[in-house]
Amino acid sequence: MSAVEALERHQITIYLGGLAGGAAAGLAWSELSHPLEVAIYPVLGALLYATFLQVPFTRVAAAFRDTRFLTTVLVLNFVIVPLVVAAMTSVVSLERAVLLGVLLTLLTPCIDYVIVFSGLAGGDSQRLVAASPLLMLAQMAALPLLLLMFVGSDLADIVEVGPFLEAFGILIALPLGLAWATEALAGRHRAGEAITSAMTAAMVPLMAATLFVVVGSQVPKLEGRFGDIAAVVPIYAGFLVVMGGLGLAAARLARLDVGQSRALVFSGATRNSLVVPSLWRCPRRTP
């Protein structure tokens, strides 16, 4: 068995190790929080570059013309999800700041690492690559209105566009452009093929590294807030179960194939992209 095959065979264990290692490092050395947070973009960008190398340009171009999938993913994320969130948050009492965090998490569809997760599960990654710009623009337009409905006008204006566009360029546009350039290079030189093979072999370690830096950078910030976290875990777990079922139902209604259906389910259930935190500014305290 080759090293790559061994990594793929034991990838779940490796990912759990990345999560546990990140949590242990963050709890033991809180001073690592900032450097690990700085490392998120480079590590995630490398992971997405490796992922995009497996998504040929021609397939992405064809996916842009799949209006049935794109329409379904938009309806699922911006019609069905808000209704589910409204129903779930109406039956629990949450502190206003905690409620805002829940809303910012559940109302924002992931547009980056969901592509990796979907691909690992056999989903149609090129459909999600094509949908990413639409999901980004739609959430930027919809979030102020949704926050106005959920929490009122004093917190509906916290969306900042500039940092989010910058993050989108770094994490989506740049890795995608590099991947397509590498694809073109591979058609003419062995160097391109070597790069593609090396990045494909690095997929599992890069995913583990991403999980490590994300968890390690955020765990120190949770000190003293574990009670609040425990209160929202049932909401997140319930959301995942409900959206998994609704995603499958939407896929069947739209008559999507297996790969498209898995991509749709992942899009509906995977929340709060790693680029989303750069979109928000801390709201001013009201008197």
C-alpha atoms as a PDB file:
ATOM      1  CA  MET A   1       0.000   0.000   0.000  1.00  0.00           C
ATOM      2  CA  SER A   2       1.393   3.403  -0.990  1.00  0.00           C
ATOM      3  CA  ALA A   3       1.646   6.328   1.433  1.00  0.00           C
ATOM      4  CA  VAL A   4      -1.177   8.163  -0.375  1.00  0.00           C
ATOM      5  CA  GLU A   5      -3.463   5.129  -0.182  1.00  0.00           C
ATOM      6  CA  ALA A   6      -2.674   4.772   3.518  1.00  0.00           C
ATOM      7  CA  LEU A   7      -3.550   8.416   4.137  1.00  0.00           C
ATOM      8  CA  GLU A   8      -6.842   8.104   2.274  1.00  0.00           C
ATOM      9  CA  ARG A   9      -7.727   4.865   4.050  1.00  0.00           C
ATOM     10  CA  HIS A  10      -7.179   6.412   7.482  1.00  0.00           C
ATOM     11  CA  GLN A  11      -8.323   9.938   6.662  1.00  0.00           C
ATOM     12  CA  ILE A  12     -11.157  10.064   9.218  1.00  0.00           C
ATOM     13  CA  THR A  13      -8.768   9.134  12.020  1.00  0.00           C
ATOM     14  CA  ILE A  14      -6.285  11.716  10.764  1.00  0.00           C
ATOM     15  CA  TYR A  15      -8.957  14.433  10.666  1.00  0.00           C
ATOM     16  CA  LEU A  16     -10.096  13.605  14.201  1.00  0.00           C
ATOM     17  CA  GLY A  17      -6.449  13.803  15.238  1.00  0.00           C
ATOM     18  CA  GLY A  18      -6.211  17.251  13.657  1.00  0.00           C
ATOM     19  CA  LEU A  19      -9.281  18.415  15.575  1.00  0.00           C
ATOM     20  CA  ALA A  20      -8.059  16.962  18.864  1.00  0.00           C
ATOM     21  CA  GLY A  21      -4.537  18.286  18.363  1.00  0.00           C
ATOM     22  CA  GLY A  22      -5.820  21.774  17.596  1.00  0.00           C
ATOM     23  CA  ALA A  23      -8.048  21.763  20.683  1.00  0.00           C
ATOM     24  CA  ALA A  24      -5.207  20.532  22.901  1.00  0.00           C
ATOM     25  CA  ALA A  25      -2.763  23.103  21.532  1.00  0.00           C
ATOM     26  CA  GLY A  26      -5.259  25.944  21.902  1.00  0.00           C
ATOM     27  CA  LEU A  27      -6.082  25.006  25.502  1.00  0.00           C
ATOM     28  CA  ALA A  28      -2.455  24.461  26.509  1.00  0.00           C
ATOM     29  CA  TRP A  29      -0.933  27.494  24.781  1.00  0.00           C
ATOM     30  CA  SER A  30      -3.446  30.310  24.360  1.00  0.00           C
ATOM     31  CA  GLU A  31      -0.698  32.516  22.902  1.00  0.00           C
ATOM     32  CA  LEU A  32      -0.841  30.330  19.766  1.00  0.00           C
ATOM     33  CA  SER A  33      -4.297  31.687  18.925  1.00  0.00           C
ATOM     34  CA  HIS A  34      -3.094  34.617  16.822  1.00  0.00           C
ATOM     35  CA  PRO A  35      -0.374  32.850  14.785  1.00  0.00           C
ATOM     36  CA  LEU A  36      -2.715  29.926  14.126  1.00  0.00           C
ATOM     37  CA  GLU A  37      -5.441  32.326  13.015  1.00  0.00           C
ATOM     38  CA  VAL A  38      -2.986  34.007  10.635  1.00  0.00           C
ATOM     39  CA  ALA A  39      -2.181  30.560   9.217  1.00  0.00           C
ATOM     40  CA  ILE A  40      -5.828  29.780   8.353  1.00  0.00           C
ATOM     41  CA  TYR A  41      -5.865  31.579   4.993  1.00  0.00           C
ATOM     42  CA  PRO A  42      -2.595  30.110   3.658  1.00  0.00           C
ATOM     43  CA  VAL A  43      -3.445  26.559   4.752  1.00  0.00           C
ATOM     44  CA  LEU A  44      -7.036  26.726   3.538  1.00  0.00           C
ATOM     45  CA  GLY A  45      -5.917  28.363   0.279  1.00  0.00           C
ATOM     46  CA  ALA A  46      -3.485  25.484  -0.330  1.00  0.00           C
ATOM     47  CA  LEU A  47      -6.230  22.962   0.429  1.00  0.00           C
ATOM     48  CA  LEU A  48      -8.606  24.635  -2.006  1.00  0.00           C
ATOM     49  CA  TYR A  49      -5.874  24.827  -4.654  1.00  0.00           C
ATOM     50  CA  ALA A  50      -5.383  21.067  -4.310  1.00  0.00           C
ATOM     51  CA  THR A  51      -9.147  20.572  -4.534  1.00  0.00           C
ATOM     52  CA  PHE A  52      -9.567  22.794  -7.588  1.00  0.00           C
ATOM     53  CA  LEU A  53      -6.815  20.868  -9.378  1.00  0.00           C
ATOM     54  CA  GLN A  54      -9.270  17.972  -9.422  1.00  0.00           C
ATOM     55  CA  VAL A  55     -12.033  20.094 -10.978  1.00  0.00           C
ATOM     56  CA  PRO A  56     -11.285  20.582 -14.707  1.00  0.00           C
ATOM     57  CA  PHE A  57     -12.063  24.007 -16.174  1.00  0.00           C
ATOM     58  CA  THR A  58     -14.387  22.547 -18.815  1.00  0.00           C
ATOM     59  CA  ARG A  59     -16.581  20.938 -16.157  1.00  0.00           C
ATOM     60  CA  VAL A  60     -16.864  24.166 -14.172  1.00  0.00           C
ATOM     61  CA  ALA A  61     -17.801  26.065 -17.337  1.00  0.00           C
ATOM     62  CA  ALA A  62     -20.523  23.504 -18.027  1.00  0.00           C
ATOM     63  CA  ALA A  63     -21.744  23.755 -14.428  1.00  0.00           C
ATOM     64  CA  PHE A  64     -22.440  27.483 -14.892  1.00  0.00           C
ATOM     65  CA  ARG A  65     -25.087  26.497 -17.418  1.00  0.00           C
ATOM     66  CA  ASP A  66     -26.853  24.124 -15.030  1.00  0.00           C
ATOM     67  CA  THR A  67     -29.638  26.503 -14.060  1.00  0.00           C
ATOM     68  CA  ARG A  68     -31.656  23.750 -12.364  1.00  0.00           C
ATOM     69  CA  PHE A  69     -28.926  23.052  -9.793  1.00  0.00           C
ATOM     70  CA  LEU A  70     -28.068  26.735  -9.292  1.00  0.00           C
ATOM     71  CA  THR A  71     -31.727  27.655  -8.773  1.00  0.00           C
ATOM     72  CA  THR A  72     -32.235  24.783  -6.341  1.00  0.00           C
ATOM     73  CA  VAL A  73     -29.151  25.643  -4.266  1.00  0.00           C
ATOM     74  CA  LEU A  74     -30.230  29.296  -4.031  1.00  0.00           C
ATOM     75  CA  VAL A  75     -33.779  28.403  -2.980  1.00  0.00           C
ATOM     76  CA  LEU A  76     -32.519  25.899  -0.416  1.00  0.00           C
ATOM     77  CA  ASN A  77     -30.084  28.388   1.166  1.00  0.00           C
ATOM     78  CA  PHE A  78     -32.132  31.586   1.048  1.00  0.00           C
ATOM     79  CA  VAL A  79     -35.745  30.416   1.296  1.00  0.00           C
ATOM     80  CA  ILE A  80     -35.743  27.087   3.126  1.00  0.00           C
ATOM     81  CA  VAL A  81     -32.840  27.742   5.520  1.00  0.00           C
ATOM     82  CA  PRO A  82     -34.249  31.036   6.911  1.00  0.00           C
ATOM     83  CA  LEU A  83     -37.597  29.336   7.562  1.00  0.00           C
ATOM     84  CA  VAL A  84     -35.863  26.487   9.401  1.00  0.00           C
ATOM     85  CA  VAL A  85     -33.762  28.934  11.425  1.00  0.00           C
ATOM     86  CA  ALA A  86     -36.841  30.978  12.323  1.00  0.00           C
ATOM     87  CA  ALA A  87     -38.664  27.874  13.509  1.00  0.00           C
ATOM     88  CA  MET A  88     -35.729  26.607  15.577  1.00  0.00           C
ATOM     89  CA  THR A  89     -34.816  29.920  17.249  1.00  0.00           C
ATOM     90  CA  SER A  90     -38.453  30.672  18.091  1.00  0.00           C
ATOM     91  CA  VAL A  91     -38.674  27.744  20.521  1.00  0.00           C
ATOM     92  CA  VAL A  92     -35.510  28.526  22.527  1.00  0.00           C
ATOM     93  CA  SER A  93     -34.551  31.527  24.631  1.00  0.00           C
ATOM     94  CA  LEU A  94     -31.073  32.815  23.855  1.00  0.00           C
ATOM     95  CA  GLU A  95     -29.131  35.836  25.036  1.00  0.00           C
ATOM     96  CA  ARG A  96     -29.171  38.485  22.308  1.00  0.00           C
ATOM     97  CA  ALA A  97     -25.437  38.217  21.586  1.00  0.00           C
ATOM     98  CA  VAL A  98     -25.654  34.422  21.417  1.00  0.00           C
ATOM     99  CA  LEU A  99     -28.687  34.629  19.131  1.00  0.00           C
ATOM    100  CA  LEU A 100     -26.760  36.926  16.806  1.00  0.00           C
ATOM    101  CA  GLY A 101     -23.914  34.409  16.661  1.00  0.00           C
ATOM    102  CA  VAL A 102     -26.333  31.609  15.850  1.00  0.00           C
ATOM    103  CA  LEU A 103     -27.930  33.650  13.094  1.00  0.00           C
ATOM    104  CA  LEU A 104     -24.602  34.645  11.548  1.00  0.00           C
ATOM    105  CA  THR A 105     -23.624  30.982  11.542  1.00  0.00           C
ATOM    106  CA  LEU A 106     -26.793  29.377  10.227  1.00  0.00           C
ATOM    107  CA  LEU A 107     -27.863  32.040   7.733  1.00  0.00           C
ATOM    108  CA  THR A 108     -24.526  32.093   5.891  1.00  0.00           C
ATOM    109  CA  PRO A 109     -23.895  29.214   3.474  1.00  0.00           C
ATOM    110  CA  CYS A 110     -20.319  28.026   3.234  1.00  0.00           C
ATOM    111  CA  ILE A 111     -18.583  28.807  -0.059  1.00  0.00           C
ATOM    112  CA  ASP A 112     -15.081  27.436   0.467  1.00  0.00           C
ATOM    113  CA  TYR A 113     -14.315  24.304   2.493  1.00  0.00           C
ATOM    114  CA  VAL A 114     -17.749  22.848   1.645  1.00  0.00           C
ATOM    115  CA  ILE A 115     -16.259  22.206  -1.795  1.00  0.00           C
ATOM    116  CA  VAL A 116     -13.617  19.997  -0.166  1.00  0.00           C
ATOM    117  CA  PHE A 117     -16.088  18.167   2.068  1.00  0.00           C
ATOM    118  CA  SER A 118     -18.483  17.559  -0.803  1.00  0.00           C
ATOM    119  CA  GLY A 119     -15.704  16.235  -3.011  1.00  0.00           C
ATOM    120  CA  LEU A 120     -14.521  13.830  -0.295  1.00  0.00           C
ATOM    121  CA  ALA A 121     -18.083  12.480  -0.075  1.00  0.00           C
ATOM    122  CA  GLY A 122     -18.391  11.997  -3.822  1.00  0.00           C
ATOM    123  CA  GLY A 123     -20.393  15.163  -4.425  1.00  0.00           C
ATOM    124  CA  ASP A 124     -20.300  17.213  -7.610  1.00  0.00           C
ATOM    125  CA  SER A 125     -17.620  19.742  -6.620  1.00  0.00           C
ATOM    126  CA  GLN A 126     -17.681  21.626  -9.914  1.00  0.00           C
ATOM    127  CA  ARG A 127     -21.334  22.537  -9.302  1.00  0.00           C
ATOM    128  CA  LEU A 128     -20.380  24.102  -5.965  1.00  0.00           C
ATOM    129  CA  VAL A 129     -17.457  25.961  -7.537  1.00  0.00           C
ATOM    130  CA  ALA A 130     -19.878  27.429 -10.068  1.00  0.00           C
ATOM    131  CA  ALA A 131     -22.388  28.278  -7.324  1.00  0.00           C
ATOM    132  CA  SER A 132     -19.870  29.998  -5.014  1.00  0.00           C
ATOM    133  CA  PRO A 133     -20.044  33.497  -6.566  1.00  0.00           C
ATOM    134  CA  LEU A 134     -23.836  33.373  -6.576  1.00  0.00           C
ATOM    135  CA  LEU A 135     -23.980  32.222  -2.956  1.00  0.00           C
ATOM    136  CA  MET A 136     -21.568  34.972  -1.961  1.00  0.00           C
ATOM    137  CA  LEU A 137     -23.524  37.738  -3.663  1.00  0.00           C
ATOM    138  CA  ALA A 138     -26.870  36.385  -2.471  1.00  0.00           C
ATOM    139  CA  GLN A 139     -25.842  36.226   1.187  1.00  0.00           C
ATOM    140  CA  MET A 140     -24.406  39.738   1.049  1.00  0.00           C
ATOM    141  CA  ALA A 141     -27.736  41.014  -0.268  1.00  0.00           C
ATOM    142  CA  ALA A 142     -29.973  38.857   1.928  1.00  0.00           C
ATOM    143  CA  LEU A 143     -28.241  39.068   5.309  1.00  0.00           C
ATOM    144  CA  PRO A 144     -29.135  42.677   6.187  1.00  0.00           C
ATOM    145  CA  LEU A 145     -32.784  41.917   5.445  1.00  0.00           C
ATOM    146  CA  LEU A 146     -32.739  38.652   7.368  1.00  0.00           C
ATOM    147  CA  LEU A 147     -31.050  40.243  10.380  1.00  0.00           C
ATOM    148  CA  LEU A 148     -33.599  43.048  10.281  1.00  0.00           C
ATOM    149  CA  MET A 149     -36.367  40.448  10.471  1.00  0.00           C
ATOM    150  CA  PHE A 150     -34.714  38.397  13.222  1.00  0.00           C
ATOM    151  CA  VAL A 151     -33.090  40.947  15.552  1.00  0.00           C
ATOM    152  CA  GLY A 152     -34.188  44.427  14.499  1.00  0.00           C
ATOM    153  CA  SER A 153     -32.698  47.444  12.793  1.00  0.00           C
ATOM    154  CA  ASP A 154     -29.933  48.145  15.334  1.00  0.00           C
ATOM    155  CA  LEU A 155     -27.988  45.040  14.249  1.00  0.00           C
ATOM    156  CA  ALA A 156     -29.042  44.804  10.618  1.00  0.00           C
ATOM    157  CA  ASP A 157     -26.199  47.023   9.358  1.00  0.00           C
ATOM    158  CA  ILE A 158     -23.198  45.021  10.576  1.00  0.00           C
ATOM    159  CA  VAL A 159     -22.330  43.606   7.154  1.00  0.00           C
ATOM    160  CA  GLU A 160     -19.053  44.903   5.720  1.00  0.00           C
ATOM    161  CA  VAL A 161     -18.465  44.004   2.085  1.00  0.00           C
ATOM    162  CA  GLY A 162     -14.814  44.914   1.513  1.00  0.00           C
ATOM    163  CA  PRO A 163     -13.055  42.365   3.752  1.00  0.00           C
ATOM    164  CA  PHE A 164     -15.332  39.605   2.524  1.00  0.00           C
ATOM    165  CA  LEU A 165     -14.565  40.347  -1.125  1.00  0.00           C
ATOM    166  CA  GLU A 166     -10.878  40.337  -0.273  1.00  0.00           C
ATOM    167  CA  ALA A 167     -11.205  36.944   1.410  1.00  0.00           C
ATOM    168  CA  PHE A 168     -13.206  35.586  -1.512  1.00  0.00           C
ATOM    169  CA  GLY A 169     -10.455  36.644  -3.874  1.00  0.00           C
ATOM    170  CA  ILE A 170      -7.736  35.047  -1.745  1.00  0.00           C
ATOM    171  CA  LEU A 171      -9.541  31.793  -0.978  1.00  0.00           C
ATOM    172  CA  ILE A 172     -11.611  31.184  -4.099  1.00  0.00           C
ATOM    173  CA  ALA A 173     -10.497  33.252  -7.093  1.00  0.00           C
ATOM    174  CA  LEU A 174      -6.729  32.946  -6.543  1.00  0.00           C
ATOM    175  CA  PRO A 175      -6.572  29.164  -5.879  1.00  0.00           C
ATOM    176  CA  LEU A 176      -9.017  28.546  -8.730  1.00  0.00           C
ATOM    177  CA  GLY A 177      -6.976  30.655 -11.141  1.00  0.00           C
ATOM    178  CA  LEU A 178      -3.757  28.912 -10.088  1.00  0.00           C
ATOM    179  CA  ALA A 179      -5.401  25.523 -10.505  1.00  0.00           C
ATOM    180  CA  TRP A 180      -6.541  26.332 -14.022  1.00  0.00           C
ATOM    181  CA  ALA A 181      -3.071  27.669 -14.882  1.00  0.00           C
ATOM    182  CA  THR A 182      -1.567  24.441 -13.548  1.00  0.00           C
ATOM    183  CA  GLU A 183      -4.062  22.449 -15.615  1.00  0.00           C
ATOM    184  CA  ALA A 184      -2.940  24.312 -18.729  1.00  0.00           C
ATOM    185  CA  LEU A 185       0.731  23.757 -17.799  1.00  0.00           C
ATOM    186  CA  ALA A 186       0.125  20.041 -17.314  1.00  0.00           C
ATOM    187  CA  GLY A 187      -1.086  19.816 -20.899  1.00  0.00           C
ATOM    188  CA  ARG A 188       2.328  20.970 -22.144  1.00  0.00           C
ATOM    189  CA  HIS A 189       4.933  20.110 -19.502  1.00  0.00           C
ATOM    190  CA  ARG A 190       5.605  17.340 -17.022  1.00  0.00           C
ATOM    191  CA  ALA A 191       6.082  19.963 -14.321  1.00  0.00           C
ATOM    192  CA  GLY A 192       2.343  20.626 -14.331  1.00  0.00           C
ATOM    193  CA  GLU A 193       1.598  16.931 -13.939  1.00  0.00           C
ATOM    194  CA  ALA A 194       4.117  16.667 -11.085  1.00  0.00           C
ATOM    195  CA  ILE A 195       2.528  19.600  -9.257  1.00  0.00           C
ATOM    196  CA  THR A 196      -0.936  18.104  -9.672  1.00  0.00           C
ATOM    197  CA  SER A 197       0.192  14.722  -8.361  1.00  0.00           C
ATOM    198  CA  ALA A 198       1.974  16.255  -5.373  1.00  0.00           C
ATOM    199  CA  MET A 199      -1.008  18.409  -4.398  1.00  0.00           C
ATOM    200  CA  THR A 200      -3.390  15.468  -4.778  1.00  0.00           C
ATOM    201  CA  ALA A 201      -1.175  13.448  -2.436  1.00  0.00           C
ATOM    202  CA  ALA A 202      -1.209  16.340   0.042  1.00  0.00           C
ATOM    203  CA  MET A 203      -5.018  16.568   0.283  1.00  0.00           C
ATOM    204  CA  VAL A 204      -5.413  14.604   3.510  1.00  0.00           C
ATOM    205  CA  PRO A 205      -2.514  16.307   5.377  1.00  0.00           C
ATOM    206  CA  LEU A 206      -3.773  19.722   4.231  1.00  0.00           C
ATOM    207  CA  MET A 207      -7.275  18.980   5.500  1.00  0.00           C
ATOM    208  CA  ALA A 208      -5.858  17.844   8.853  1.00  0.00           C
ATOM    209  CA  ALA A 209      -3.706  20.989   9.012  1.00  0.00           C
ATOM    210  CA  THR A 210      -6.756  23.159   8.262  1.00  0.00           C
ATOM    211  CA  LEU A 211      -8.751  21.559  11.065  1.00  0.00           C
ATOM    212  CA  PHE A 212      -5.783  21.956  13.432  1.00  0.00           C
ATOM    213  CA  VAL A 213      -5.244  25.673  12.812  1.00  0.00           C
ATOM    214  CA  VAL A 214      -8.956  26.535  12.853  1.00  0.00           C
ATOM    215  CA  VAL A 215      -9.684  24.743  16.126  1.00  0.00           C
ATOM    216  CA  GLY A 216      -6.395  25.774  17.728  1.00  0.00           C
ATOM    217  CA  SER A 217      -6.982  29.442  16.905  1.00  0.00           C
ATOM    218  CA  GLN A 218     -10.563  29.555  18.186  1.00  0.00           C
ATOM    219  CA  VAL A 219     -10.521  27.394  21.332  1.00  0.00           C
ATOM    220  CA  PRO A 220      -8.705  30.026  23.477  1.00  0.00           C
ATOM    221  CA  LYS A 221     -11.411  32.558  22.600  1.00  0.00           C
ATOM    222  CA  LEU A 222     -14.092  30.323  24.132  1.00  0.00           C
ATOM    223  CA  GLU A 223     -12.768  30.564  27.688  1.00  0.00           C
ATOM    224  CA  GLY A 224     -15.629  31.278  30.053  1.00  0.00           C
ATOM    225  CA  ARG A 225     -18.238  30.789  27.321  1.00  0.00           C
ATOM    226  CA  PHE A 226     -18.638  27.023  27.367  1.00  0.00           C
ATOM    227  CA  GLY A 227     -22.100  27.323  28.905  1.00  0.00           C
ATOM    228  CA  ASP A 228     -23.277  29.429  25.974  1.00  0.00           C
ATOM    229  CA  ILE A 229     -21.751  26.919  23.570  1.00  0.00           C
ATOM    230  CA  ALA A 230     -23.543  24.010  25.241  1.00  0.00           C
ATOM    231  CA  ALA A 231     -26.841  25.885  24.918  1.00  0.00           C
ATOM    232  CA  VAL A 232     -26.582  26.180  21.136  1.00  0.00           C
ATOM    233  CA  VAL A 233     -25.202  22.702  20.361  1.00  0.00           C
ATOM    234  CA  PRO A 234     -28.733  21.194  20.162  1.00  0.00           C
ATOM    235  CA  ILE A 235     -29.728  23.935  17.707  1.00  0.00           C
ATOM    236  CA  TYR A 236     -26.771  23.225  15.440  1.00  0.00           C
ATOM    237  CA  ALA A 237     -27.267  19.451  15.673  1.00  0.00           C
ATOM    238  CA  GLY A 238     -30.973  19.780  14.947  1.00  0.00           C
ATOM    239  CA  PHE A 239     -30.272  22.086  12.020  1.00  0.00           C
ATOM    240  CA  LEU A 240     -27.860  19.551  10.523  1.00  0.00           C
ATOM    241  CA  VAL A 241     -30.401  16.737  10.758  1.00  0.00           C
ATOM    242  CA  VAL A 242     -33.291  18.809   9.407  1.00  0.00           C
ATOM    243  CA  MET A 243     -31.323  20.299   6.524  1.00  0.00           C
ATOM    244  CA  GLY A 244     -29.940  16.903   5.584  1.00  0.00           C
ATOM    245  CA  GLY A 245     -33.479  15.655   5.102  1.00  0.00           C
ATOM    246  CA  LEU A 246     -34.708  18.799   3.355  1.00  0.00           C
ATOM    247  CA  GLY A 247     -31.657  18.795   1.075  1.00  0.00           C
ATOM    248  CA  LEU A 248     -32.420  15.243  -0.029  1.00  0.00           C
ATOM    249  CA  ALA A 249     -36.069  16.154  -0.584  1.00  0.00           C
ATOM    250  CA  ALA A 250     -35.101  19.214  -2.653  1.00  0.00           C
ATOM    251  CA  ALA A 251     -32.674  17.131  -4.717  1.00  0.00           C
ATOM    252  CA  ARG A 252     -35.375  14.574  -5.506  1.00  0.00           C
ATOM    253  CA  LEU A 253     -37.879  17.291  -6.340  1.00  0.00           C
ATOM    254  CA  ALA A 254     -35.364  18.880  -8.731  1.00  0.00           C
ATOM    255  CA  ARG A 255     -34.458  15.437 -10.152  1.00  0.00           C
ATOM    256  CA  LEU A 256     -30.739  15.832  -9.524  1.00  0.00           C
ATOM    257  CA  ASP A 257     -28.298  12.971  -9.976  1.00  0.00           C
ATOM    258  CA  VAL A 258     -26.344  11.433  -7.085  1.00  0.00           C
ATOM    259  CA  GLY A 259     -23.322  13.748  -7.304  1.00  0.00           C
ATOM    260  CA  GLN A 260     -25.463  16.868  -7.611  1.00  0.00           C
ATOM    261  CA  SER A 261     -27.705  15.709  -4.749  1.00  0.00           C
ATOM    262  CA  ARG A 262     -24.750  15.248  -2.418  1.00  0.00           C
ATOM    263  CA  ALA A 263     -23.404  18.671  -3.359  1.00  0.00           C
ATOM    264  CA  LEU A 264     -26.819  20.218  -2.656  1.00  0.00           C
ATOM    265  CA  VAL A 265     -27.124  18.514   0.738  1.00  0.00           C
ATOM    266  CA  PHE A 266     -23.644  19.680   1.731  1.00  0.00           C
ATOM    267  CA  SER A 267     -24.417  23.245   0.629  1.00  0.00           C
ATOM    268  CA  GLY A 268     -27.614  23.364   2.664  1.00  0.00           C
ATOM    269  CA  ALA A 269     -26.113  21.811   5.796  1.00  0.00           C
ATOM    270  CA  THR A 270     -22.581  23.315   5.814  1.00  0.00           C
ATOM    271  CA  ARG A 271     -22.643  26.743   7.384  1.00  0.00           C
ATOM    272  CA  ASN A 272     -20.489  29.725   8.237  1.00  0.00           C
ATOM    273  CA  SER A 273     -17.655  29.747   5.732  1.00  0.00           C
ATOM    274  CA  LEU A 274     -14.211  30.504   7.118  1.00  0.00           C
ATOM    275  CA  VAL A 275     -14.287  33.770   5.177  1.00  0.00           C
ATOM    276  CA  VAL A 276     -17.495  34.922   6.858  1.00  0.00           C
ATOM    277  CA  PRO A 277     -15.911  36.244  10.102  1.00  0.00           C
ATOM    278  CA  SER A 278     -14.102  38.888   8.044  1.00  0.00           C
ATOM    279  CA  LEU A 279     -17.480  40.167   6.885  1.00  0.00           C
ATOM    280  CA  TRP A 280     -18.689  41.348  10.261  1.00  0.00           C
ATOM    281  CA  ARG A 281     -17.710  44.275  12.432  1.00  0.00           C
ATOM    282  CA  CYS A 282     -18.556  44.260  16.116  1.00  0.00           C
ATOM    283  CA  PRO A 283     -21.889  46.049  16.565  1.00  0.00           C
ATOM    284  CA  ARG A 284     -21.933  49.159  18.691  1.00  0.00           C
ATOM    285  CA  ARG A 285     -23.480  48.801  22.088  1.00  0.00           C
ATOM    286  CA  THR A 286     -26.883  50.339  22.357  1.00  0.00           C
ATOM    287  CA  PRO A 287     -27.687  52.449  25.398  1.00  0.00           C
END
